């Protein structure tokens, strides 16, 4: 079970219904090695906070596997991590659930991110000048267009499970 505080604050804002929809989509996609989502409580009606319940899988945290692996064998683990990231990030954004807004072009995406940095800074109870400066710099130094893709916002080995 993944238990997520509903009132979490900070820079990252997550729509739990969209998260639910993308978890269902990824768990049903054969190209993505993801646990099957079997139930969710996105409004916290049952658990008092958002919760996602997955089919139990035998295994152990991948971060523990990394810690227990000899240095000369870490290359194989790097390839597993890279393949996992590619399976998520390689999804066709045109096929994502309707609840997940996918920008249609690079310029719209970049503009939306700049506006998000500005909005997050202006709505924060603490001053976060870094966000304001980053938005200004990015707007003045727009990078060239790049392909748009799904990006896992918290991809790290501590969010992976070894099924060995």
Protein backbone atom coordinates (compact mmCIF):
# COMPACT_ATOMS: atom_id res chain seq x y z
CA UNK A 1 0.00 0.00 0.00
CA UNK A 2 1.19 3.48 -0.84
CA UNK A 3 -0.14 5.99 1.69
CA UNK A 4 -0.06 9.63 0.61
CA UNK A 5 -0.93 12.58 2.88
CA UNK A 6 -3.78 14.59 1.31
CA UNK A 7 -2.64 17.91 2.75
CA UNK A 8 0.98 17.60 1.65
CA UNK A 9 2.43 20.95 0.77
CA UNK A 10 5.51 21.98 -1.11
CA UNK A 11 6.60 22.61 -4.65
CA UNK A 12 5.23 19.37 -6.06
CA UNK A 13 1.48 19.30 -6.52
CA UNK A 14 -0.21 16.06 -7.43
CA UNK A 15 -3.76 15.46 -8.57
CA UNK A 16 -4.42 12.06 -6.96
CA UNK A 17 -7.12 11.16 -9.52
CA UNK A 18 -4.66 11.73 -12.36
CA UNK A 19 -2.07 9.71 -10.45
CA UNK A 20 -4.63 6.90 -10.06
CA UNK A 21 -5.42 6.96 -13.78
CA UNK A 22 -1.76 6.85 -14.82
CA UNK A 23 -1.03 4.03 -12.34
CA UNK A 24 -3.90 1.99 -13.80
CA UNK A 25 -2.68 2.74 -17.33
CA UNK A 26 0.93 1.75 -16.57
CA UNK A 27 -0.02 -1.38 -14.62
CA UNK A 28 -2.11 -2.60 -17.57
CA UNK A 29 0.56 -1.78 -20.17
CA UNK A 30 2.61 -4.84 -21.06
CA UNK A 31 5.66 -2.73 -21.91
CA UNK A 32 5.93 -1.35 -18.37
CA UNK A 33 7.05 -3.49 -15.45
CA UNK A 34 4.73 -1.98 -12.86
CA UNK A 35 2.76 -3.50 -10.00
CA UNK A 36 -0.95 -3.98 -10.69
CA UNK A 37 -3.07 -1.38 -8.96
CA UNK A 38 -6.01 -3.24 -7.41
CA UNK A 39 -7.70 -0.48 -5.39
CA UNK A 40 -7.36 3.18 -4.58
CA UNK A 41 -8.80 5.71 -2.17
CA UNK A 42 -7.89 8.97 -3.89
CA UNK A 43 -10.10 11.13 -1.67
CA UNK A 44 -9.06 9.57 1.63
CA UNK A 45 -12.59 8.39 2.47
CA UNK A 46 -11.43 5.10 3.99
CA UNK A 47 -7.81 5.68 5.04
CA UNK A 48 -8.14 9.41 5.95
CA UNK A 49 -5.47 10.05 3.32
CA UNK A 50 -5.01 9.05 -0.30
CA UNK A 51 -3.93 5.44 -0.64
CA UNK A 52 -3.07 3.11 -3.50
CA UNK A 53 -3.16 -0.64 -2.99
CA UNK A 54 -1.16 -2.87 -5.31
CA UNK A 55 -1.11 -6.60 -5.91
CA UNK A 56 1.53 -8.08 -3.59
CA UNK A 57 4.72 -9.09 -5.39
CA UNK A 58 7.49 -11.21 -3.89
CA UNK A 59 10.73 -9.33 -3.78
CA UNK A 60 12.69 -6.76 -1.89
CA UNK A 61 13.46 -3.07 -2.28
CA UNK A 62 15.78 -2.53 -5.24
CA UNK A 63 17.83 -0.07 -3.19
CA UNK A 64 18.73 -2.98 -0.86
CA UNK A 65 19.80 -5.05 -3.87
CA UNK A 66 22.05 -2.16 -4.94
CA UNK A 67 23.59 -1.89 -1.47
CA UNK A 68 24.30 -5.63 -1.40
CA UNK A 69 25.89 -5.75 -4.87
CA UNK A 70 29.64 -5.71 -5.35
CA UNK A 71 30.99 -2.66 -7.17
CA UNK A 72 32.12 -4.68 -10.18
CA UNK A 73 28.53 -5.96 -10.70
CA UNK A 74 26.74 -2.58 -10.51
CA UNK A 75 26.75 -2.18 -14.31
CA UNK A 76 24.06 -4.86 -14.61
CA UNK A 77 21.90 -2.99 -12.10
CA UNK A 78 22.42 0.26 -14.01
CA UNK A 79 20.99 -1.41 -17.11
CA UNK A 80 17.92 -2.58 -15.15
CA UNK A 81 17.32 0.97 -13.92
CA UNK A 82 17.79 2.39 -17.42
CA UNK A 83 15.36 -0.13 -18.96
CA UNK A 84 12.80 0.63 -16.25
CA UNK A 85 13.06 4.37 -16.87
CA UNK A 86 12.84 3.87 -20.64
CA UNK A 87 9.71 1.72 -20.30
CA UNK A 88 7.90 4.56 -18.51
CA UNK A 89 9.43 7.49 -20.35
CA UNK A 90 8.93 5.81 -23.73
CA UNK A 91 5.13 5.79 -23.50
CA UNK A 92 3.21 7.46 -26.30
CA UNK A 93 1.72 10.54 -24.63
CA UNK A 94 -1.17 10.50 -27.11
CA UNK A 95 -2.38 7.25 -25.49
CA UNK A 96 -2.30 8.46 -21.88
CA UNK A 97 -5.55 8.67 -19.88
CA UNK A 98 -7.74 11.66 -20.74
CA UNK A 99 -7.39 13.00 -17.19
CA UNK A 100 -3.68 13.56 -17.76
CA UNK A 101 -3.21 16.76 -19.70
CA UNK A 102 -0.57 16.23 -22.35
CA UNK A 103 0.74 19.34 -24.08
CA UNK A 104 0.50 19.26 -27.85
CA UNK A 105 3.76 21.04 -28.57
CA UNK A 106 7.04 22.09 -27.00
CA UNK A 107 6.23 25.81 -26.80
CA UNK A 108 2.98 25.23 -24.92
CA UNK A 109 4.72 22.82 -22.55
CA UNK A 110 7.57 25.21 -21.80
CA UNK A 111 5.21 28.13 -21.26
CA UNK A 112 3.07 26.03 -18.89
CA UNK A 113 6.13 25.09 -16.83
CA UNK A 114 7.30 28.70 -16.59
CA UNK A 115 3.81 29.71 -15.45
CA UNK A 116 3.79 26.85 -12.92
CA UNK A 117 7.07 28.08 -11.39
CA UNK A 118 5.64 31.61 -11.11
CA UNK A 119 2.34 30.41 -9.65
CA UNK A 120 4.03 28.11 -7.14
CA UNK A 121 6.29 30.91 -5.93
CA UNK A 122 3.45 33.43 -5.67
CA UNK A 123 1.17 31.03 -3.77
CA UNK A 124 3.86 29.79 -1.39
CA UNK A 125 3.63 30.86 2.24
CA UNK A 126 7.43 31.21 2.18
CA UNK A 127 9.43 33.28 -0.23
CA UNK A 128 10.97 31.06 -2.90
CA UNK A 129 12.92 33.51 -5.05
CA UNK A 130 14.69 30.64 -6.78
CA UNK A 131 11.44 29.74 -8.56
CA UNK A 132 10.89 33.32 -9.67
CA UNK A 133 14.45 33.62 -10.96
CA UNK A 134 14.29 30.22 -12.64
CA UNK A 135 11.05 31.14 -14.44
CA UNK A 136 12.54 34.42 -15.64
CA UNK A 137 15.78 32.80 -16.79
CA UNK A 138 13.98 29.96 -18.56
CA UNK A 139 11.63 32.39 -20.31
CA UNK A 140 14.61 34.44 -21.53
CA UNK A 141 16.72 31.39 -22.48
CA UNK A 142 14.18 28.99 -23.95
CA UNK A 143 15.87 25.76 -24.98
CA UNK A 144 15.28 24.32 -28.45
CA UNK A 145 12.30 22.04 -28.93
CA UNK A 146 12.62 18.47 -27.68
CA UNK A 147 10.32 15.46 -28.00
CA UNK A 148 7.61 15.39 -25.36
CA UNK A 149 7.27 12.29 -23.20
CA UNK A 150 5.83 10.96 -19.98
CA UNK A 151 8.26 11.58 -17.12
CA UNK A 152 8.14 9.79 -13.78
CA UNK A 153 8.35 12.65 -11.30
CA UNK A 154 10.06 10.60 -8.59
CA UNK A 155 12.10 7.98 -10.44
CA UNK A 156 14.72 6.53 -8.10
CA UNK A 157 15.93 3.10 -7.02
CA UNK A 158 14.11 3.42 -3.68
CA UNK A 159 10.85 3.35 -5.72
CA UNK A 160 11.77 0.08 -7.41
CA UNK A 161 11.23 -3.53 -6.34
CA UNK A 162 13.50 -6.44 -7.19
CA UNK A 163 11.51 -9.50 -8.15
CA UNK A 164 14.50 -11.84 -7.82
